[in-house]
Amino acid sequence: MYIKSGIRYRSPHFQVNIPCSYHYIPHNIIFQSVNILTNHEYYKVEKIIEQIKPFWTKYDSLSEKDMMLLESNFTHRFPEDMREFFLWSNGGAGKFHNIYISLWPLDEIKELNDGYLINHYLGEQFMAFGSDGGPICFLLDYRNPEHTRISSVNFGHLDIDEVKQI
């Protein structure tokens, strides 16, 4: 079946929707993986990686040791599924239909957060980790410690009231 596909990823930690272009996706993948929205099953990171590979320019992988060392610089730990993704691709970029996503390498996240004054304007409960290549900043929102969310805000309007959950 040809559909306007997209990745809708929900885990115990965060949810994100990534629209893609029209292409063939077997219906069993759609129903078993991409659109699992209710029960607490979630789309495995390995399957997300397989689906985005054609669209993604990945950076070098990280070792678990490097990941732990880099995480020690942050106030909060990354959600497990996000850690798994960054172990595969330490940042990277891709265009999904009409949306460009750039994830920063972990060794640059602290410096970029400091440079953009993320904690100054939004507080310690947010960590920027990428952008759309333009004015939109992607954030991890730690305000609810049991459920980290991915959110966005305009770099030019860093106001906590402007933060939107993705």
Foldseek 3Di string as FASTA:
>chain_A
DWDQDWAWWDAQAETDIFTAGTDDDPVCCVVVARPPDDDRDTHALVVVCVVCVVFKDFADADDPVVLVVLCVVAPDHDPPRVSVVCNHGQWTWGQGPHFIKTFHGSVCQVVVCVVLVLCVAANSQKGWGIASVDQKTWIFGCPPVSYIYIWIAGSVDNHNVRIGTD
